PDB file of N, CA and C in Angstrom:
ATOM      1  N   MET A   1      12.881 -53.418  25.421  1.00  0.00           N
ATOM      2  CA  MET A   1      13.675 -52.246  25.679  1.00  0.00           C
ATOM      3  C   MET A   1      15.147 -52.636  25.770  1.00  0.00           C
ATOM      4  N   MET A   2      15.422 -53.784  26.442  1.00  0.00           N
ATOM      5  CA  MET A   2      16.793 -54.226  26.565  1.00  0.00           C
ATOM      6  C   MET A   2      17.343 -54.616  25.188  1.00  0.00           C
ATOM      7  N   ALA A   3      16.489 -55.209  24.345  1.00  0.00           N
ATOM      8  CA  ALA A   3      16.918 -55.612  23.008  1.00  0.00           C
ATOM      9  C   ALA A   3      17.275 -54.398  22.159  1.00  0.00           C
ATOM     10  N   ILE A   4      16.515 -53.319  22.294  1.00  0.00           N
ATOM     11  CA  ILE A   4      16.809 -52.101  21.531  1.00  0.00           C
ATOM     12  C   ILE A   4      18.139 -51.514  21.966  1.00  0.00           C
ATOM     13  N   ALA A   5      18.395 -51.468  23.270  1.00  0.00           N
ATOM     14  CA  ALA A   5      19.667 -50.940  23.768  1.00  0.00           C
ATOM     15  C   ALA A   5      20.823 -51.824  23.319  1.00  0.00           C
ATOM     16  N   LEU A   6      20.591 -53.133  23.269  1.00  0.00           N
ATOM     17  CA  LEU A   6      21.632 -54.060  22.840  1.00  0.00           C
ATOM     18  C   LEU A   6      21.945 -53.863  21.360  1.00  0.00           C
ATOM     19  N   ILE A   7      20.908 -53.702  20.534  1.00  0.00           N
ATOM     20  CA  ILE A   7      21.094 -53.504  19.099  1.00  0.00           C
ATOM     21  C   ILE A   7      21.827 -52.199  18.825  1.00  0.00           C
ATOM     22  N   GLN A   8      21.505 -51.164  19.550  1.00  0.00           N
ATOM     23  CA  GLN A   8      22.118 -49.867  19.328  1.00  0.00           C
ATOM     24  C   GLN A   8      23.488 -49.733  19.985  1.00  0.00           C
ATOM     25  N   GLY A   9      23.980 -50.774  20.628  1.00  0.00           N
ATOM     26  CA  GLY A   9      25.309 -50.735  21.218  1.00  0.00           C
ATOM     27  C   GLY A   9      25.374 -50.014  22.543  1.00  0.00           C
ATOM     28  N   MET A  10      24.259 -49.898  23.252  1.00  0.00           N
ATOM     29  CA  MET A  10      24.249 -49.208  24.535  1.00  0.00           C
ATOM     30  C   MET A  10      24.379 -50.168  25.714  1.00  0.00           C
ATOM     31  N   LEU A  11      24.393 -51.478  25.422  1.00  0.00           N
ATOM     32  CA  LEU A  11      24.458 -52.483  26.480  1.00  0.00           C
ATOM     33  C   LEU A  11      25.309 -53.643  25.994  1.00  0.00           C
ATOM     34  N   TYR A  12      26.270 -54.035  26.794  1.00  0.00           N
ATOM     35  CA  TYR A  12      27.126 -55.163  26.473  1.00  0.00           C
ATOM     36  C   TYR A  12      26.290 -56.445  26.495  1.00  0.00           C
ATOM     37  N   SER A  13      26.485 -57.306  25.503  1.00  0.00           N
ATOM     38  CA  SER A  13      25.640 -58.495  25.372  1.00  0.00           C
ATOM     39  C   SER A  13      25.776 -59.452  26.552  1.00  0.00           C
ATOM     40  N   GLY A  14      26.945 -59.546  27.147  1.00  0.00           N
ATOM     41  CA  GLY A  14      27.125 -60.419  28.312  1.00  0.00           C
ATOM     42  C   GLY A  14      26.277 -59.974  29.493  1.00  0.00           C
ATOM     43  N   ILE A  15      26.172 -58.679  29.700  1.00  0.00           N
ATOM     44  CA  ILE A  15      25.348 -58.156  30.794  1.00  0.00           C
ATOM     45  C   ILE A  15      23.875 -58.397  30.494  1.00  0.00           C
ATOM     46  N   ALA A  16      23.474 -58.230  29.233  1.00  0.00           N
ATOM     47  CA  ALA A  16      22.080 -58.470  28.855  1.00  0.00           C
ATOM     48  C   ALA A  16      21.694 -59.923  29.092  1.00  0.00           C
ATOM     49  N   ILE A  17      22.561 -60.847  28.711  1.00  0.00           N
ATOM     50  CA  ILE A  17      22.283 -62.270  28.917  1.00  0.00           C
ATOM     51  C   ILE A  17      22.234 -62.592  30.408  1.00  0.00           C
ATOM     52  N   ALA A  18      23.161 -62.029  31.174  1.00  0.00           N
ATOM     53  CA  ALA A  18      23.170 -62.260  32.622  1.00  0.00           C
ATOM     54  C   ALA A  18      21.904 -61.721  33.278  1.00  0.00           C
ATOM     55  N   LEU A  19      21.398 -60.574  32.809  1.00  0.00           N
ATOM     56  CA  LEU A  19      20.146 -60.043  33.346  1.00  0.00           C
ATOM     57  C   LEU A  19      18.973 -60.969  33.039  1.00  0.00           C
ATOM     58  N   LEU A  20      18.946 -61.522  31.839  1.00  0.00           N
ATOM     59  CA  LEU A  20      17.882 -62.459  31.492  1.00  0.00           C
ATOM     60  C   LEU A  20      17.951 -63.727  32.332  1.00  0.00           C
ATOM     61  N   VAL A  21      19.154 -64.238  32.555  1.00  0.00           N
ATOM     62  CA  VAL A  21      19.316 -65.428  33.393  1.00  0.00           C
ATOM     63  C   VAL A  21      18.904 -65.123  34.835  1.00  0.00           C
ATOM     64  N   GLY A  22      19.304 -63.961  35.343  1.00  0.00           N
ATOM     65  CA  GLY A  22      18.899 -63.571  36.698  1.00  0.00           C
ATOM     66  C   GLY A  22      17.395 -63.453  36.829  1.00  0.00           C
ATOM     67  N   PHE A  23      16.749 -62.882  35.824  1.00  0.00           N
ATOM     68  CA  PHE A  23      15.290 -62.778  35.841  1.00  0.00           C
ATOM     69  C   PHE A  23      14.657 -64.162  35.820  1.00  0.00           C
ATOM     70  N   LEU A  24      15.202 -65.062  35.023  1.00  0.00           N
ATOM     71  CA  LEU A  24      14.691 -66.426  34.967  1.00  0.00           C
ATOM     72  C   LEU A  24      14.844 -67.120  36.323  1.00  0.00           C
ATOM     73  N   LEU A  25      15.988 -66.949  36.974  1.00  0.00           N
ATOM     74  CA  LEU A  25      16.207 -67.558  38.284  1.00  0.00           C
ATOM     75  C   LEU A  25      15.248 -67.001  39.333  1.00  0.00           C
ATOM     76  N   LEU A  26      15.005 -65.693  39.314  1.00  0.00           N
ATOM     77  CA  LEU A  26      14.032 -65.117  40.248  1.00  0.00           C
ATOM     78  C   LEU A  26      12.620 -65.630  39.958  1.00  0.00           C
ATOM     79  N   SER A  27      12.297 -65.808  38.686  1.00  0.00           N
ATOM     80  CA  SER A  27      10.987 -66.353  38.331  1.00  0.00           C
ATOM     81  C   SER A  27      10.838 -67.778  38.844  1.00  0.00           C
ATOM     82  N   ILE A  28      11.866 -68.586  38.652  1.00  0.00           N
ATOM     83  CA  ILE A  28      11.831 -69.970  39.129  1.00  0.00           C
ATOM     84  C   ILE A  28      11.682 -69.998  40.644  1.00  0.00           C
ATOM     85  N   GLN A  29      12.407 -69.131  41.319  1.00  0.00           N
ATOM     86  CA  GLN A  29      12.306 -69.078  42.780  1.00  0.00           C
ATOM     87  C   GLN A  29      10.886 -68.727  43.202  1.00  0.00           C
ATOM     88  N   SER A  30      10.265 -67.800  42.504  1.00  0.00           N
ATOM     89  CA  SER A  30       8.894 -67.407  42.812  1.00  0.00           C
ATOM     90  C   SER A  30       7.918 -68.549  42.539  1.00  0.00           C
ATOM     91  N   TYR A  31       8.126 -69.265  41.432  1.00  0.00           N
ATOM     92  CA  TYR A  31       7.239 -70.388  41.106  1.00  0.00           C
ATOM     93  C   TYR A  31       7.381 -71.510  42.128  1.00  0.00           C
ATOM     94  N   LEU A  32       8.611 -71.806  42.545  1.00  0.00           N
ATOM     95  CA  LEU A  32       8.817 -72.848  43.548  1.00  0.00           C
ATOM     96  C   LEU A  32       8.203 -72.464  44.890  1.00  0.00           C
ATOM     97  N   ALA A  33       8.332 -71.194  45.274  1.00  0.00           N
ATOM     98  CA  ALA A  33       7.735 -70.736  46.530  1.00  0.00           C
ATOM     99  C   ALA A  33       6.215 -70.832  46.454  1.00  0.00           C
ATOM    100  N   THR A  34       5.656 -70.536  45.291  1.00  0.00           N
ATOM    101  CA  THR A  34       4.202 -70.647  45.125  1.00  0.00           C
ATOM    102  C   THR A  34       3.763 -72.094  45.273  1.00  0.00           C
ATOM    103  N   TYR A  35       4.503 -72.999  44.676  1.00  0.00           N
ATOM    104  CA  TYR A  35       4.123 -74.416  44.724  1.00  0.00           C
ATOM    105  C   TYR A  35       4.310 -75.008  46.112  1.00  0.00           C
ATOM    106  N   THR A  36       5.438 -74.722  46.772  1.00  0.00           N
ATOM    107  CA  THR A  36       5.742 -75.369  48.046  1.00  0.00           C
ATOM    108  C   THR A  36       5.122 -74.664  49.249  1.00  0.00           C
ATOM    109  N   LEU A  37       5.070 -73.339  49.224  1.00  0.00           N
ATOM    110  CA  LEU A  37       4.565 -72.586  50.374  1.00  0.00           C
ATOM    111  C   LEU A  37       3.149 -72.066  50.169  1.00  0.00           C
ATOM    112  N   GLY A  38       2.682 -72.066  48.932  1.00  0.00           N
ATOM    113  CA  GLY A  38       1.347 -71.555  48.648  1.00  0.00           C
ATOM    114  C   GLY A  38       1.265 -70.047  48.643  1.00  0.00           C
ATOM    115  N   GLU A  39       2.388 -69.372  48.464  1.00  0.00           N
ATOM    116  CA  GLU A  39       2.422 -67.906  48.443  1.00  0.00           C
ATOM    117  C   GLU A  39       3.016 -67.430  47.126  1.00  0.00           C
ATOM    118  N   PHE A  40       2.265 -66.609  46.404  1.00  0.00           N
ATOM    119  CA  PHE A  40       2.792 -66.035  45.163  1.00  0.00           C
ATOM    120  C   PHE A  40       3.278 -64.637  45.458  1.00  0.00           C
ATOM    121  N   GLN A  41       4.522 -64.361  45.083  1.00  0.00           N
ATOM    122  CA  GLN A  41       5.129 -63.065  45.351  1.00  0.00           C
ATOM    123  C   GLN A  41       5.626 -62.480  44.044  1.00  0.00           C
ATOM    124  N   LEU A  42       5.021 -61.372  43.633  1.00  0.00           N
ATOM    125  CA  LEU A  42       5.397 -60.732  42.380  1.00  0.00           C
ATOM    126  C   LEU A  42       6.478 -59.679  42.580  1.00  0.00           C
ATOM    127  N   SER A  43       6.518 -59.075  43.744  1.00  0.00           N
ATOM    128  CA  SER A  43       7.515 -58.035  44.008  1.00  0.00           C
ATOM    129  C   SER A  43       8.459 -58.496  45.111  1.00  0.00           C
ATOM    130  N   PHE A  44       9.682 -58.009  45.022  1.00  0.00           N
ATOM    131  CA  PHE A  44      10.703 -58.330  46.003  1.00  0.00           C
ATOM    132  C   PHE A  44      11.226 -57.033  46.588  1.00  0.00           C
ATOM    133  N   TRP A  45      11.264 -56.952  47.910  1.00  0.00           N
ATOM    134  CA  TRP A  45      11.771 -55.782  48.638  1.00  0.00           C
ATOM    135  C   TRP A  45      11.113 -54.497  48.146  1.00  0.00           C
ATOM    136  N   SER A  46       9.816 -54.506  48.027  1.00  0.00           N
ATOM    137  CA  SER A  46       9.011 -53.348  47.604  1.00  0.00           C
ATOM    138  C   SER A  46       9.326 -52.881  46.187  1.00  0.00           C
ATOM    139  N   LEU A  47       9.958 -53.708  45.392  1.00  0.00           N
ATOM    140  CA  LEU A  47      10.212 -53.399  43.986  1.00  0.00           C
ATOM    141  C   LEU A  47       9.358 -54.333  43.135  1.00  0.00           C
ATOM    142  N   GLY A  48       8.319 -53.781  42.583  1.00  0.00           N
ATOM    143  CA  GLY A  48       7.445 -54.556  41.718  1.00  0.00           C
ATOM    144  C   GLY A  48       7.641 -54.166  40.266  1.00  0.00           C
ATOM    145  N   PRO A  49       6.809 -54.704  39.397  1.00  0.00           N
ATOM    146  CA  PRO A  49       6.929 -54.401  37.974  1.00  0.00           C
ATOM    147  C   PRO A  49       6.769 -52.912  37.648  1.00  0.00           C
ATOM    148  N   THR A  50       5.869 -52.230  38.330  1.00  0.00           N
ATOM    149  CA  THR A  50       5.649 -50.806  38.048  1.00  0.00           C
ATOM    150  C   THR A  50       6.873 -49.979  38.407  1.00  0.00           C
ATOM    151  N   GLU A  51       7.466 -50.247  39.556  1.00  0.00           N
ATOM    152  CA  GLU A  51       8.659 -49.497  39.960  1.00  0.00           C
ATOM    153  C   GLU A  51       9.820 -49.755  39.004  1.00  0.00           C
ATOM    154  N   LEU A  52       9.944 -50.986  38.543  1.00  0.00           N
ATOM    155  CA  LEU A  52      11.023 -51.284  37.598  1.00  0.00           C
ATOM    156  C   LEU A  52      10.795 -50.603  36.256  1.00  0.00           C
ATOM    157  N   ARG A  53       9.551 -50.518  35.813  1.00  0.00           N
ATOM    158  CA  ARG A  53       9.261 -49.803  34.562  1.00  0.00           C
ATOM    159  C   ARG A  53       9.572 -48.319  34.695  1.00  0.00           C
ATOM    160  N   ILE A  54       9.249 -47.739  35.832  1.00  0.00           N
ATOM    161  CA  ILE A  54       9.562 -46.324  36.063  1.00  0.00           C
ATOM    162  C   ILE A  54      11.073 -46.121  36.068  1.00  0.00           C
ATOM    163  N   LEU A  55      11.798 -47.022  36.716  1.00  0.00           N
ATOM    164  CA  LEU A  55      13.261 -46.935  36.755  1.00  0.00           C
ATOM    165  C   LEU A  55      13.864 -47.062  35.356  1.00  0.00           C
ATOM    166  N   LEU A  56      13.351 -47.980  34.548  1.00  0.00           N
ATOM    167  CA  LEU A  56      13.841 -48.122  33.177  1.00  0.00           C
ATOM    168  C   LEU A  56      13.518 -46.897  32.327  1.00  0.00           C
ATOM    169  N   SER A  57      12.362 -46.294  32.543  1.00  0.00           N
ATOM    170  CA  SER A  57      12.008 -45.073  31.815  1.00  0.00           C
ATOM    171  C   SER A  57      12.960 -43.941  32.170  1.00  0.00           C
ATOM    172  N   MET A  58      13.271 -43.813  33.455  1.00  0.00           N
ATOM    173  CA  MET A  58      14.223 -42.789  33.875  1.00  0.00           C
ATOM    174  C   MET A  58      15.606 -43.051  33.279  1.00  0.00           C
ATOM    175  N   GLY A  59      15.996 -44.337  33.199  1.00  0.00           N
ATOM    176  CA  GLY A  59      17.272 -44.681  32.587  1.00  0.00           C
ATOM    177  C   GLY A  59      17.311 -44.330  31.112  1.00  0.00           C
ATOM    178  N   ASN A  60      16.190 -44.532  30.410  1.00  0.00           N
ATOM    179  CA  ASN A  60      16.140 -44.172  28.993  1.00  0.00           C
ATOM    180  C   ASN A  60      16.244 -42.669  28.787  1.00  0.00           C
ATOM    181  N   ILE A  61      15.615 -41.901  29.650  1.00  0.00           N
ATOM    182  CA  ILE A  61      15.720 -40.445  29.557  1.00  0.00           C
ATOM    183  C   ILE A  61      17.151 -40.003  29.849  1.00  0.00           C
ATOM    184  N   ALA A  62      17.765 -40.608  30.868  1.00  0.00           N
ATOM    185  CA  ALA A  62      19.156 -40.274  31.188  1.00  0.00           C
ATOM    186  C   ALA A  62      20.091 -40.670  30.048  1.00  0.00           C
ATOM    187  N   LEU A  63      19.763 -41.744  29.343  1.00  0.00           N
ATOM    188  CA  LEU A  63      20.583 -42.200  28.223  1.00  0.00           C
ATOM    189  C   LEU A  63      20.618 -41.178  27.093  1.00  0.00           C
ATOM    190  N   LEU A  64      19.544 -40.435  26.930  1.00  0.00           N
ATOM    191  CA  LEU A  64      19.517 -39.399  25.898  1.00  0.00           C
ATOM    192  C   LEU A  64      20.542 -38.304  26.165  1.00  0.00           C
ATOM    193  N   TYR A  65      20.748 -37.980  27.445  1.00  0.00           N
ATOM    194  CA  TYR A  65      21.614 -36.863  27.801  1.00  0.00           C
ATOM    195  C   TYR A  65      23.047 -37.282  28.126  1.00  0.00           C
ATOM    196  N   ARG A  66      23.207 -38.432  28.750  1.00  0.00           N
ATOM    197  CA  ARG A  66      24.557 -38.888  29.136  1.00  0.00           C
ATOM    198  C   ARG A  66      24.677 -40.390  28.922  1.00  0.00           C
ATOM    199  N   PRO A  67      24.988 -40.829  27.710  1.00  0.00           N
ATOM    200  CA  PRO A  67      25.120 -42.271  27.476  1.00  0.00           C
ATOM    201  C   PRO A  67      26.370 -42.873  28.118  1.00  0.00           C
ATOM    202  N   MET A  68      27.387 -42.042  28.349  1.00  0.00           N
ATOM    203  CA  MET A  68      28.623 -42.511  28.985  1.00  0.00           C
ATOM    204  C   MET A  68      28.763 -41.826  30.345  1.00  0.00           C
ATOM    205  N   ILE A  69      29.166 -42.581  31.358  1.00  0.00           N
ATOM    206  CA  ILE A  69      29.313 -42.014  32.704  1.00  0.00           C
ATOM    207  C   ILE A  69      30.720 -42.296  33.216  1.00  0.00           C
ATOM    208  N   PHE A  70      31.040 -41.739  34.360  1.00  0.00           N
ATOM    209  CA  PHE A  70      32.360 -41.852  34.976  1.00  0.00           C
ATOM    210  C   PHE A  70      33.442 -41.392  34.007  1.00  0.00           C
ATOM    211  N   HIS A  71      33.326 -40.125  33.591  1.00  0.00           N
ATOM    212  CA  HIS A  71      34.291 -39.471  32.697  1.00  0.00           C
ATOM    213  C   HIS A  71      34.397 -40.179  31.346  1.00  0.00           C
ATOM    214  N   GLY A  72      33.284 -40.705  30.867  1.00  0.00           N
ATOM    215  CA  GLY A  72      33.243 -41.329  29.548  1.00  0.00           C
ATOM    216  C   GLY A  72      33.869 -42.704  29.473  1.00  0.00           C
ATOM    217  N   ARG A  73      34.044 -43.364  30.598  1.00  0.00           N
ATOM    218  CA  ARG A  73      34.697 -44.674  30.608  1.00  0.00           C
ATOM    219  C   ARG A  73      33.712 -45.828  30.500  1.00  0.00           C
ATOM    220  N   TYR A  74      32.476 -45.665  30.991  1.00  0.00           N
ATOM    221  CA  TYR A  74      31.514 -46.760  31.019  1.00  0.00           C
ATOM    222  C   TYR A  74      30.183 -46.322  30.428  1.00  0.00           C
ATOM    223  N   ARG A  75      29.495 -47.267  29.804  1.00  0.00           N
ATOM    224  CA  ARG A  75      28.162 -46.989  29.283  1.00  0.00           C
ATOM    225  C   ARG A  75      27.156 -47.043  30.426  1.00  0.00           C
ATOM    226  N   LEU A  76      26.160 -46.174  30.350  1.00  0.00           N
ATOM    227  CA  LEU A  76      25.163 -46.052  31.416  1.00  0.00           C
ATOM    228  C   LEU A  76      24.450 -47.372  31.683  1.00  0.00           C
ATOM    229  N   PHE A  77      24.013 -48.049  30.621  1.00  0.00           N
ATOM    230  CA  PHE A  77      23.266 -49.293  30.817  1.00  0.00           C
ATOM    231  C   PHE A  77      24.158 -50.440  31.288  1.00  0.00           C
ATOM    232  N   ASP A  78      25.454 -50.396  30.993  1.00  0.00           N
ATOM    233  CA  ASP A  78      26.358 -51.413  31.527  1.00  0.00           C
ATOM    234  C   ASP A  78      26.452 -51.299  33.045  1.00  0.00           C
ATOM    235  N   VAL A  79      26.592 -50.071  33.522  1.00  0.00           N
ATOM    236  CA  VAL A  79      26.671 -49.852  34.975  1.00  0.00           C
ATOM    237  C   VAL A  79      25.324 -50.187  35.621  1.00  0.00           C
ATOM    238  N   GLY A  80      24.232 -49.718  35.013  1.00  0.00           N
ATOM    239  CA  GLY A  80      22.906 -50.027  35.544  1.00  0.00           C
ATOM    240  C   GLY A  80      22.623 -51.522  35.551  1.00  0.00           C
ATOM    241  N   GLY A  81      23.056 -52.211  34.503  1.00  0.00           N
ATOM    242  CA  GLY A  81      22.873 -53.656  34.443  1.00  0.00           C
ATOM    243  C   GLY A  81      23.672 -54.383  35.500  1.00  0.00           C
ATOM    244  N   ALA A  82      24.895 -53.918  35.745  1.00  0.00           N
ATOM    245  CA  ALA A  82      25.726 -54.534  36.781  1.00  0.00           C
ATOM    246  C   ALA A  82      25.111 -54.326  38.168  1.00  0.00           C
ATOM    247  N   VAL A  83      24.583 -53.138  38.412  1.00  0.00           N
ATOM    248  CA  VAL A  83      23.913 -52.874  39.691  1.00  0.00           C
ATOM    249  C   VAL A  83      22.651 -53.741  39.803  1.00  0.00           C
ATOM    250  N   GLY A  84      21.915 -53.851  38.707  1.00  0.00           N
ATOM    251  CA  GLY A  84      20.720 -54.698  38.694  1.00  0.00           C
ATOM    252  C   GLY A  84      21.052 -56.158  38.951  1.00  0.00           C
ATOM    253  N   LEU A  85      22.147 -56.623  38.359  1.00  0.00           N
ATOM    254  CA  LEU A  85      22.581 -58.009  38.589  1.00  0.00           C
ATOM    255  C   LEU A  85      22.924 -58.253  40.056  1.00  0.00           C
ATOM    256  N   ALA A  86      23.628 -57.300  40.651  1.00  0.00           N
ATOM    257  CA  ALA A  86      23.984 -57.444  42.072  1.00  0.00           C
ATOM    258  C   ALA A  86      22.726 -57.492  42.933  1.00  0.00           C
ATOM    259  N   GLY A  87      21.758 -56.635  42.627  1.00  0.00           N
ATOM    260  CA  GLY A  87      20.506 -56.638  43.381  1.00  0.00           C
ATOM    261  C   GLY A  87      19.718 -57.919  43.185  1.00  0.00           C
ATOM    262  N   MET A  88      19.671 -58.419  41.955  1.00  0.00           N
ATOM    263  CA  MET A  88      18.952 -59.662  41.689  1.00  0.00           C
ATOM    264  C   MET A  88      19.618 -60.847  42.385  1.00  0.00           C
ATOM    265  N   ALA A  89      20.945 -60.865  42.400  1.00  0.00           N
ATOM    266  CA  ALA A  89      21.656 -61.948  43.088  1.00  0.00           C
ATOM    267  C   ALA A  89      21.394 -61.898  44.588  1.00  0.00           C
ATOM    268  N   ALA A  90      21.400 -60.693  45.156  1.00  0.00           N
ATOM    269  CA  ALA A  90      21.122 -60.557  46.597  1.00  0.00           C
ATOM    270  C   ALA A  90      19.698 -61.021  46.919  1.00  0.00           C
ATOM    271  N   MET A  91      18.731 -60.635  46.073  1.00  0.00           N
ATOM    272  CA  MET A  91      17.349 -61.067  46.294  1.00  0.00           C
ATOM    273  C   MET A  91      17.221 -62.580  46.184  1.00  0.00           C
ATOM    274  N   LEU A  92      17.863 -63.154  45.196  1.00  0.00           N
ATOM    275  CA  LEU A  92      17.778 -64.594  44.987  1.00  0.00           C
ATOM    276  C   LEU A  92      18.349 -65.350  46.177  1.00  0.00           C
ATOM    277  N   ILE A  93      19.505 -64.930  46.643  1.00  0.00           N
ATOM    278  CA  ILE A  93      20.124 -65.598  47.796  1.00  0.00           C
ATOM    279  C   ILE A  93      19.271 -65.421  49.041  1.00  0.00           C
ATOM    280  N   PHE A  94      18.815 -64.195  49.310  1.00  0.00           N
ATOM    281  CA  PHE A  94      18.028 -63.925  50.511  1.00  0.00           C
ATOM    282  C   PHE A  94      16.749 -64.745  50.550  1.00  0.00           C
ATOM    283  N   PHE A  95      15.970 -64.707  49.466  1.00  0.00           N
ATOM    284  CA  PHE A  95      14.681 -65.388  49.473  1.00  0.00           C
ATOM    285  C   PHE A  95      14.829 -66.905  49.390  1.00  0.00           C
ATOM    286  N   THR A  96      15.881 -67.393  48.759  1.00  0.00           N
ATOM    287  CA  THR A  96      16.111 -68.836  48.733  1.00  0.00           C
ATOM    288  C   THR A  96      16.455 -69.348  50.126  1.00  0.00           C
ATOM    289  N   VAL A  97      17.320 -68.634  50.822  1.00  0.00           N
ATOM    290  CA  VAL A  97      17.672 -69.029  52.193  1.00  0.00           C
ATOM    291  C   VAL A  97      16.448 -68.930  53.106  1.00  0.00           C
ATOM    292  N   ARG A  98      15.677 -67.865  52.971  1.00  0.00           N
ATOM    293  CA  ARG A  98      14.487 -67.687  53.809  1.00  0.00           C
ATOM    294  C   ARG A  98      13.471 -68.805  53.581  1.00  0.00           C
ATOM    295  N   ASN A  99      13.208 -69.121  52.327  1.00  0.00           N
ATOM    296  CA  ASN A  99      12.220 -70.162  52.040  1.00  0.00           C
ATOM    297  C   ASN A  99      12.722 -71.542  52.431  1.00  0.00           C
ATOM    298  N   THR A 100      14.010 -71.799  52.243  1.00  0.00           N
ATOM    299  CA  THR A 100      14.581 -73.086  52.652  1.00  0.00           C
ATOM    300  C   THR A 100      14.486 -73.251  54.157  1.00  0.00           C
ATOM    301  N   ARG A 101      14.798 -72.201  54.890  1.00  0.00           N
ATOM    302  CA  ARG A 101      14.689 -72.263  56.359  1.00  0.00           C
ATOM    303  C   ARG A 101      13.247 -72.479  56.786  1.00  0.00           C
ATOM    304  N   ARG A 102      12.338 -71.787  56.161  1.00  0.00           N
ATOM    305  CA  ARG A 102      10.923 -71.923  56.502  1.00  0.00           C
ATOM    306  C   ARG A 102      10.421 -73.340  56.232  1.00  0.00           C
ATOM    307  N   LEU A 103      10.802 -73.915  55.106  1.00  0.00           N
ATOM    308  CA  LEU A 103      10.405 -75.291  54.803  1.00  0.00           C
ATOM    309  C   LEU A 103      11.028 -76.269  55.785  1.00  0.00           C
ATOM    310  N   TYR A 104      12.265 -76.016  56.190  1.00  0.00           N
ATOM    311  CA  TYR A 104      12.925 -76.888  57.167  1.00  0.00           C
ATOM    312  C   TYR A 104      12.194 -76.856  58.494  1.00  0.00           C
ATOM    313  N   VAL A 105      11.806 -75.680  58.933  1.00  0.00           N
ATOM    314  CA  VAL A 105      11.102 -75.558  60.222  1.00  0.00           C
ATOM    315  C   VAL A 105       9.727 -76.210  60.149  1.00  0.00           C
ATOM    316  N   GLU A 106       9.020 -76.047  59.039  1.00  0.00           N
ATOM    317  CA  GLU A 106       7.674 -76.603  58.925  1.00  0.00           C
ATOM    318  C   GLU A 106       7.677 -78.119  58.761  1.00  0.00           C
ATOM    319  N   GLU A 107       8.698 -78.685  58.152  1.00  0.00           N
ATOM    320  CA  GLU A 107       8.749 -80.122  57.885  1.00  0.00           C
ATOM    321  C   GLU A 107       9.962 -80.749  58.537  1.00  0.00           C
ATOM    322  N   ARG A 108      10.093 -80.580  59.837  1.00  0.00           N
ATOM    323  CA  ARG A 108      11.246 -81.138  60.559  1.00  0.00           C
ATOM    324  C   ARG A 108      11.241 -82.646  60.500  1.00  0.00           C
ATOM    325  N   ILE A 109      12.411 -83.210  60.266  1.00  0.00           N
ATOM    326  CA  ILE A 109      12.564 -84.667  60.293  1.00  0.00           C
ATOM    327  C   ILE A 109      12.775 -85.079  61.734  1.00  0.00           C
ATOM    328  N   ARG A 110      11.995 -86.040  62.175  1.00  0.00           N
ATOM    329  CA  ARG A 110      12.096 -86.469  63.589  1.00  0.00           C
ATOM    330  C   ARG A 110      12.797 -87.770  63.708  1.00  0.00           C
TER     331      ARG A 110
END
């Protein structure tokens, strides 16, 4: 879906690449938490794959009616991608700090 929006000029390529990198970083964080803590977490802050698919579907419907927002200055998916990036960065920082603290408490150096 992101590739189609990128091809049609509805999403800036830098934002698309940043979203892919953010997704990769969240995946790595999840894999490391699974390996070190024994907990697999597919959703973050009650946002799982189904909720994200619903959100993307709503964005595609909104794109049909208003591809440009804020008085025609910005593309809808550029703004949505920037908001998504901010959320992914916040999740990555929060869960990395939480897991690092948890590992520190469980494996204290004496």
